[in-house]
Structure formats: structure tokens, C-alpha cells
């Protein structure tokens, strides 16, 4: 009986020690390290306007449906761009539903952007990302949308193309991925350029 009580006491003490370490000290250390070393990223990479209003996150796509804005990749997350329901379509390359969806999306993209039927449409313009929340589009996708945005905002096409170039991010570590454009940052830059005119 004495041995059982001793083992029980040791188990309870060990559980308490690990609870304090793993549920208190470790998370606190990780949080403090994040706040100290990467404060913007640790707090969601939020983007605020001059008035201090949060406009979004650099890490999450949001829906822009107006012709005066660049549009992100299609989203299968919830009802679209829902961060609480992040997901892809889970449709495979042999899925007829996926083929039909892409065919309809290509036609809609060409119509929306006033493109000829023989213009190649970038894959990211008609397929959703794995999360449904990818904030970036390819440079080719942004460039194909430029004429529509310039026309809707009554801006010279060269101005819009210049904003795309200014907001093009290079490959990660100059090796991984492809050059890309963050749609939210580009759209906010468009709004700033319009307000400064």
C-alpha cells in the first residue's frame, strides 16, 4: 500500500510539472519569441490603412468581385474565402466535374477580362489552391486582368502594369516557387493611387 501511494504521489507530481511546463511555460516562451522576433507575422500579418482600420491579412485571400479590382484565385473554402472552412475541392485530374468547372471558369475569365478565345488562361486563374485562401496570383494572371482594371478605373494601362511590377514578389530564396503578386496589396496600392490623384 505504501508503494502504491508513493507511485501515485510521483505520478501526480510529474503530471503537474509537465502541465506547468507544456501548458504554460513552453507556449509562453513560443509566444514571447514570436512577438520579439517576428511581431508582424506572429499577429497575423495584418494590413491596416492610414486610419488604422484592418483591411485584411497578407496571408489570406479575400473576394474582390468589382471590375476595378484584381481578382484572386477561385476559392473552394466554405462559401468562398472563408478562413474557418479552409479546403480545396478534392477533385482529381480524371474528375469530369473538375473538367467542367475549369472549362466554365476559363470561359468566364475570358469574358470578364475581354480576352479572345485563343488567349491562354493561367491555371491559377481557374483552379483553387489547396487551402482555398491563397493570397497570390501569378504575374501572368495579374497582367491579363490589367486592361480590365485600368478601364474600370480610367487609368492608363502603363500605370496599372507598373503597379503589378512594383508588387511582384520574387521566388522564395530566389529558388522555390514562381514570381507572384499579392492581390490584396496590389488592390490597396490601386486605391492609394486613386486617392492621390
C-alpha atoms as a PDB file:
ATOM      1  CA  UNK A   1       0.000   0.000   0.000  1.00  0.00           C
ATOM      2  CA  UNK A   2       2.839   2.375   0.850  1.00  0.00           C
ATOM      3  CA  UNK A   3       4.435   1.698  -2.564  1.00  0.00           C
ATOM      4  CA  UNK A   4       1.159   2.395  -4.347  1.00  0.00           C
ATOM      5  CA  UNK A   5       0.731   5.742  -2.583  1.00  0.00           C
ATOM      6  CA  UNK A   6       4.350   6.671  -3.342  1.00  0.00           C
ATOM      7  CA  UNK A   7       3.863   5.881  -7.044  1.00  0.00           C
ATOM      8  CA  UNK A   8       0.566   7.765  -7.087  1.00  0.00           C
ATOM      9  CA  UNK A   9       2.251  10.797  -5.479  1.00  0.00           C
ATOM     10  CA  UNK A  10       5.089  10.640  -8.046  1.00  0.00           C
ATOM     11  CA  UNK A  11       2.593  10.391 -10.917  1.00  0.00           C
ATOM     12  CA  UNK A  12       0.563  13.361  -9.719  1.00  0.00           C
ATOM     13  CA  UNK A  13       3.670  15.487  -9.180  1.00  0.00           C
ATOM     14  CA  UNK A  14       5.067  14.556 -12.593  1.00  0.00           C
ATOM     15  CA  UNK A  15       1.724  15.382 -14.236  1.00  0.00           C
ATOM     16  CA  UNK A  16       1.657  18.781 -12.544  1.00  0.00           C
ATOM     17  CA  UNK A  17       5.263  19.527 -13.555  1.00  0.00           C
ATOM     18  CA  UNK A  18       4.564  18.614 -17.195  1.00  0.00           C
ATOM     19  CA  UNK A  19       1.277  20.567 -17.153  1.00  0.00           C
ATOM     20  CA  UNK A  20       3.109  23.691 -15.984  1.00  0.00           C
ATOM     21  CA  UNK A  21       5.941  23.173 -18.484  1.00  0.00           C
ATOM     22  CA  UNK A  22       3.962  22.116 -21.548  1.00  0.00           C
ATOM     23  CA  UNK A  23       0.738  24.057 -20.979  1.00  0.00           C
ATOM     24  CA  UNK A  24       2.256  27.197 -19.516  1.00  0.00           C
ATOM     25  CA  UNK A  25       5.976  27.791 -19.834  1.00  0.00           C
ATOM     26  CA  UNK A  26       6.512  26.368 -23.338  1.00  0.00           C
ATOM     27  CA  UNK A  27       3.552  28.183 -25.010  1.00  0.00           C
ATOM     28  CA  UNK A  28       4.535  31.388 -23.217  1.00  0.00           C
ATOM     29  CA  UNK A  29       8.128  31.061 -24.475  1.00  0.00           C
ATOM     30  CA  UNK A  30       6.967  30.414 -28.048  1.00  0.00           C
ATOM     31  CA  UNK A  31       4.539  33.369 -27.897  1.00  0.00           C
ATOM     32  CA  UNK A  32       7.205  35.675 -26.444  1.00  0.00           C
ATOM     33  CA  UNK A  33       9.757  34.551 -29.047  1.00  0.00           C
ATOM     34  CA  UNK A  34       7.264  35.194 -31.847  1.00  0.00           C
ATOM     35  CA  UNK A  35       6.400  38.639 -30.512  1.00  0.00           C
ATOM     36  CA  UNK A  36      10.064  39.520 -30.095  1.00  0.00           C
ATOM     37  CA  UNK A  37      11.473  38.113 -33.348  1.00  0.00           C
ATOM     38  CA  UNK A  38       8.520  38.248 -35.787  1.00  0.00           C
ATOM     39  CA  UNK A  39       5.846  40.571 -34.353  1.00  0.00           C
ATOM     40  CA  UNK A  40       4.016  41.217 -37.640  1.00  0.00           C
ATOM     41  CA  UNK A  41       3.875  37.572 -38.653  1.00  0.00           C
ATOM     42  CA  UNK A  42       3.032  36.392 -35.139  1.00  0.00           C
ATOM     43  CA  UNK A  43      -0.010  38.677 -35.137  1.00  0.00           C
ATOM     44  CA  UNK A  44      -1.415  37.531 -38.486  1.00  0.00           C
ATOM     45  CA  UNK A  45       0.415  39.826 -40.954  1.00  0.00           C
ATOM     46  CA  UNK A  46      -2.499  42.250 -40.741  1.00  0.00           C
ATOM     47  CA  UNK A  47      -2.658  45.194 -43.129  1.00  0.00           C
ATOM     48  CA  UNK A  48      -4.131  48.451 -41.863  1.00  0.00           C
ATOM     49  CA  UNK A  49      -4.998  51.612 -43.736  1.00  0.00           C
ATOM     50  CA  UNK A  50      -3.957  55.142 -42.728  1.00  0.00           C
ATOM     51  CA  UNK A  51      -6.932  55.383 -40.357  1.00  0.00           C
ATOM     52  CA  UNK A  52      -5.806  52.228 -38.553  1.00  0.00           C
ATOM     53  CA  UNK A  53      -8.625  50.041 -39.885  1.00  0.00           C
ATOM     54  CA  UNK A  54      -7.628  46.445 -40.581  1.00  0.00           C
ATOM     55  CA  UNK A  55      -8.143  45.768 -44.296  1.00  0.00           C
ATOM     56  CA  UNK A  56      -7.057  42.136 -44.298  1.00  0.00           C
ATOM     57  CA  UNK A  57      -4.086  39.835 -43.924  1.00  0.00           C
ATOM     58  CA  UNK A  58      -1.195  39.372 -46.318  1.00  0.00           C
ATOM     59  CA  UNK A  59      -1.617  35.633 -45.765  1.00  0.00           C
ATOM     60  CA  UNK A  60      -5.302  35.186 -46.658  1.00  0.00           C
ATOM     61  CA  UNK A  61      -7.173  35.840 -49.873  1.00  0.00           C
ATOM     62  CA  UNK A  62     -10.426  37.732 -49.868  1.00  0.00           C
ATOM     63  CA  UNK A  63     -13.059  38.146 -52.522  1.00  0.00           C
ATOM     64  CA  UNK A  64     -12.834  41.120 -54.889  1.00  0.00           C
ATOM     65  CA  UNK A  65     -15.651  40.973 -57.417  1.00  0.00           C
ATOM     66  CA  UNK A  66     -15.657  44.519 -58.815  1.00  0.00           C
ATOM     67  CA  UNK A  67     -14.088  45.099 -62.228  1.00  0.00           C
ATOM     68  CA  UNK A  68     -11.973  47.850 -60.663  1.00  0.00           C
ATOM     69  CA  UNK A  69     -10.046  45.302 -58.572  1.00  0.00           C
ATOM     70  CA  UNK A  70      -7.739  42.426 -59.363  1.00  0.00           C
ATOM     71  CA  UNK A  71      -9.381  39.136 -58.509  1.00  0.00           C
ATOM     72  CA  UNK A  72      -7.699  36.315 -56.572  1.00  0.00           C
ATOM     73  CA  UNK A  73      -7.683  32.619 -57.334  1.00  0.00           C
ATOM     74  CA  UNK A  74     -11.043  30.864 -57.131  1.00  0.00           C
ATOM     75  CA  UNK A  75     -11.802  29.511 -53.672  1.00  0.00           C
ATOM     76  CA  UNK A  76     -13.410  26.275 -52.501  1.00  0.00           C
ATOM     77  CA  UNK A  77     -13.196  27.315 -48.827  1.00  0.00           C
ATOM     78  CA  UNK A  78     -16.728  27.356 -47.430  1.00  0.00           C
ATOM     79  CA  UNK A  79     -18.779  29.803 -49.462  1.00  0.00           C
ATOM     80  CA  UNK A  80     -15.522  31.240 -50.783  1.00  0.00           C
ATOM     81  CA  UNK A  81     -12.515  32.691 -48.983  1.00  0.00           C
ATOM     82  CA  UNK A  82     -13.876  31.527 -45.613  1.00  0.00           C
ATOM     83  CA  UNK A  83     -10.865  31.106 -43.325  1.00  0.00           C
ATOM     84  CA  UNK A  84     -12.869  28.932 -40.928  1.00  0.00           C
ATOM     85  CA  UNK A  85     -13.540  26.411 -43.704  1.00  0.00           C
ATOM     86  CA  UNK A  86     -10.185  26.263 -45.453  1.00  0.00           C
ATOM     87  CA  UNK A  87     -10.143  23.484 -48.029  1.00  0.00           C
ATOM     88  CA  UNK A  88      -9.599  22.572 -51.636  1.00  0.00           C
ATOM     89  CA  UNK A  89     -12.053  20.830 -53.920  1.00  0.00           C
ATOM     90  CA  UNK A  90     -10.508  17.360 -53.540  1.00  0.00           C
ATOM     91  CA  UNK A  91     -11.338  16.678 -57.193  1.00  0.00           C
ATOM     92  CA  UNK A  92      -8.751  14.604 -59.055  1.00  0.00           C
ATOM     93  CA  UNK A  93      -7.410  15.073 -62.605  1.00  0.00           C
ATOM     94  CA  UNK A  94      -9.813  12.453 -64.011  1.00  0.00           C
ATOM     95  CA  UNK A  95     -12.895  14.118 -62.478  1.00  0.00           C
ATOM     96  CA  UNK A  96     -15.468  15.195 -65.056  1.00  0.00           C
ATOM     97  CA  UNK A  97     -16.829  17.719 -62.556  1.00  0.00           C
ATOM     98  CA  UNK A  98     -13.370  19.334 -62.309  1.00  0.00           C
ATOM     99  CA  UNK A  99     -13.033  19.429 -66.123  1.00  0.00           C
ATOM    100  CA  UNK A 100     -16.469  21.039 -66.488  1.00  0.00           C
ATOM    101  CA  UNK A 101     -15.744  23.554 -63.708  1.00  0.00           C
ATOM    102  CA  UNK A 102     -12.435  24.562 -65.291  1.00  0.00           C
ATOM    103  CA  UNK A 103     -13.998  24.863 -68.754  1.00  0.00           C
ATOM    104  CA  UNK A 104     -16.712  27.176 -67.376  1.00  0.00           C
ATOM    105  CA  UNK A 105     -14.142  29.161 -65.377  1.00  0.00           C
ATOM    106  CA  UNK A 106     -11.941  29.661 -68.455  1.00  0.00           C
ATOM    107  CA  UNK A 107     -14.907  30.986 -70.440  1.00  0.00           C
ATOM    108  CA  UNK A 108     -15.942  33.293 -67.590  1.00  0.00           C
ATOM    109  CA  UNK A 109     -12.367  34.559 -67.110  1.00  0.00           C
ATOM    110  CA  UNK A 110     -12.046  35.367 -70.833  1.00  0.00           C
ATOM    111  CA  UNK A 111     -15.408  37.158 -70.832  1.00  0.00           C
ATOM    112  CA  UNK A 112     -14.703  39.142 -67.635  1.00  0.00           C
ATOM    113  CA  UNK A 113     -11.295  40.271 -68.878  1.00  0.00           C
ATOM    114  CA  UNK A 114     -12.295  40.826 -72.535  1.00  0.00           C
ATOM    115  CA  UNK A 115      -9.887  38.195 -73.864  1.00  0.00           C
ATOM    116  CA  UNK A 116     -10.008  36.462 -77.233  1.00  0.00           C
ATOM    117  CA  UNK A 117     -10.935  32.776 -77.349  1.00  0.00           C
ATOM    118  CA  UNK A 118      -7.374  31.748 -78.237  1.00  0.00           C
ATOM    119  CA  UNK A 119      -5.675  33.526 -75.286  1.00  0.00           C
ATOM    120  CA  UNK A 120      -4.119  31.027 -72.875  1.00  0.00           C
ATOM    121  CA  UNK A 121      -5.561  31.357 -69.377  1.00  0.00           C
ATOM    122  CA  UNK A 122      -3.158  30.712 -66.473  1.00  0.00           C
ATOM    123  CA  UNK A 123      -4.034  27.677 -64.362  1.00  0.00           C
ATOM    124  CA  UNK A 124      -4.199  29.734 -61.163  1.00  0.00           C
ATOM    125  CA  UNK A 125      -6.981  31.856 -62.673  1.00  0.00           C
ATOM    126  CA  UNK A 126      -9.356  28.886 -62.951  1.00  0.00           C
ATOM    127  CA  UNK A 127      -8.310  26.436 -60.218  1.00  0.00           C
ATOM    128  CA  UNK A 128      -8.457  26.899 -56.468  1.00  0.00           C
ATOM    129  CA  UNK A 129      -5.442  26.416 -54.247  1.00  0.00           C
ATOM    130  CA  UNK A 130      -5.196  23.590 -51.734  1.00  0.00           C
ATOM    131  CA  UNK A 131      -6.364  25.881 -48.929  1.00  0.00           C
ATOM    132  CA  UNK A 132      -8.782  27.996 -50.956  1.00  0.00           C
ATOM    133  CA  UNK A 133      -7.140  31.024 -49.316  1.00  0.00           C
ATOM    134  CA  UNK A 134      -4.006  31.622 -51.401  1.00  0.00           C
ATOM    135  CA  UNK A 135      -3.458  35.406 -51.424  1.00  0.00           C
ATOM    136  CA  UNK A 136      -1.260  35.366 -54.543  1.00  0.00           C
ATOM    137  CA  UNK A 137      -1.817  35.108 -58.270  1.00  0.00           C
ATOM    138  CA  UNK A 138       0.763  34.526 -60.961  1.00  0.00           C
ATOM    139  CA  UNK A 139       2.233  37.506 -62.759  1.00  0.00           C
ATOM    140  CA  UNK A 140       0.603  36.306 -65.995  1.00  0.00           C
ATOM    141  CA  UNK A 141      -2.806  36.214 -64.283  1.00  0.00           C
ATOM    142  CA  UNK A 142      -2.369  39.758 -62.968  1.00  0.00           C
ATOM    143  CA  UNK A 143      -1.211  41.037 -66.361  1.00  0.00           C
ATOM    144  CA  UNK A 144      -4.260  39.552 -68.098  1.00  0.00           C
ATOM    145  CA  UNK A 145      -6.522  41.398 -65.630  1.00  0.00           C
ATOM    146  CA  UNK A 146      -4.663  44.716 -66.012  1.00  0.00           C
ATOM    147  CA  UNK A 147      -6.626  46.047 -69.006  1.00  0.00           C
ATOM    148  CA  UNK A 148      -9.972  45.432 -67.280  1.00  0.00           C
ATOM    149  CA  UNK A 149      -8.830  47.171 -64.078  1.00  0.00           C
ATOM    150  CA  UNK A 150      -7.308  50.108 -65.989  1.00  0.00           C
ATOM    151  CA  UNK A 151     -10.517  50.594 -67.965  1.00  0.00           C
ATOM    152  CA  UNK A 152     -12.751  50.375 -64.862  1.00  0.00           C
ATOM    153  CA  UNK A 153     -10.594  52.928 -63.012  1.00  0.00           C
ATOM    154  CA  UNK A 154      -9.940  55.169 -66.052  1.00  0.00           C
ATOM    155  CA  UNK A 155      -6.199  54.746 -65.531  1.00  0.00           C
ATOM    156  CA  UNK A 156      -3.513  54.387 -68.186  1.00  0.00           C
ATOM    157  CA  UNK A 157      -2.674  50.709 -68.713  1.00  0.00           C
ATOM    158  CA  UNK A 158       1.011  51.524 -68.138  1.00  0.00           C
ATOM    159  CA  UNK A 159       0.196  52.752 -64.603  1.00  0.00           C
ATOM    160  CA  UNK A 160      -1.583  49.505 -63.710  1.00  0.00           C
ATOM    161  CA  UNK A 161       1.174  47.374 -65.259  1.00  0.00           C
ATOM    162  CA  UNK A 162       3.725  49.408 -63.281  1.00  0.00           C
ATOM    163  CA  UNK A 163       1.837  48.655 -60.047  1.00  0.00           C
ATOM    164  CA  UNK A 164       1.888  44.947 -60.910  1.00  0.00           C
ATOM    165  CA  UNK A 165       5.649  45.103 -61.432  1.00  0.00           C
ATOM    166  CA  UNK A 166       6.127  47.020 -58.172  1.00  0.00           C
ATOM    167  CA  UNK A 167       4.135  44.396 -56.246  1.00  0.00           C
ATOM    168  CA  UNK A 168       5.654  41.298 -57.827  1.00  0.00           C
ATOM    169  CA  UNK A 169       7.340  39.115 -55.213  1.00  0.00           C
ATOM    170  CA  UNK A 170      10.333  37.025 -56.246  1.00  0.00           C
ATOM    171  CA  UNK A 171      10.723  33.298 -55.739  1.00  0.00           C
ATOM    172  CA  UNK A 172      11.297  32.229 -52.136  1.00  0.00           C
ATOM    173  CA  UNK A 173      15.054  32.367 -51.526  1.00  0.00           C
ATOM    174  CA  UNK A 174      15.306  33.047 -55.304  1.00  0.00           C
ATOM    175  CA  UNK A 175      14.843  29.305 -55.935  1.00  0.00           C
ATOM    176  CA  UNK A 176      11.475  27.984 -54.771  1.00  0.00           C
ATOM    177  CA  UNK A 177       8.137  28.682 -56.437  1.00  0.00           C
ATOM    178  CA  UNK A 178       7.403  31.276 -59.058  1.00  0.00           C
ATOM    179  CA  UNK A 179       7.216  35.076 -59.011  1.00  0.00           C
ATOM    180  CA  UNK A 180       3.791  36.106 -57.716  1.00  0.00           C
ATOM    181  CA  UNK A 181       1.590  39.067 -56.862  1.00  0.00           C
ATOM    182  CA  UNK A 182      -0.280  39.533 -53.573  1.00  0.00           C
ATOM    183  CA  UNK A 183      -3.779  40.566 -54.689  1.00  0.00           C
ATOM    184  CA  UNK A 184      -4.724  42.460 -51.515  1.00  0.00           C
ATOM    185  CA  UNK A 185      -1.530  44.538 -51.520  1.00  0.00           C
ATOM    186  CA  UNK A 186      -1.975  45.310 -55.221  1.00  0.00           C
ATOM    187  CA  UNK A 187      -5.607  46.345 -54.760  1.00  0.00           C
ATOM    188  CA  UNK A 188      -4.727  48.557 -51.802  1.00  0.00           C
ATOM    189  CA  UNK A 189      -2.000  50.188 -53.902  1.00  0.00           C
ATOM    190  CA  UNK A 190      -4.606  50.841 -56.608  1.00  0.00           C
ATOM    191  CA  UNK A 191      -6.870  52.505 -54.062  1.00  0.00           C
ATOM    192  CA  UNK A 192      -3.977  54.637 -52.793  1.00  0.00           C
ATOM    193  CA  UNK A 193      -3.029  55.738 -56.292  1.00  0.00           C
ATOM    194  CA  UNK A 194      -6.651  56.666 -56.978  1.00  0.00           C
ATOM    195  CA  UNK A 195      -6.929  58.703 -53.763  1.00  0.00           C
ATOM    196  CA  UNK A 196      -3.701  60.556 -54.519  1.00  0.00           C
ATOM    197  CA  UNK A 197      -4.941  61.709 -57.942  1.00  0.00           C
END
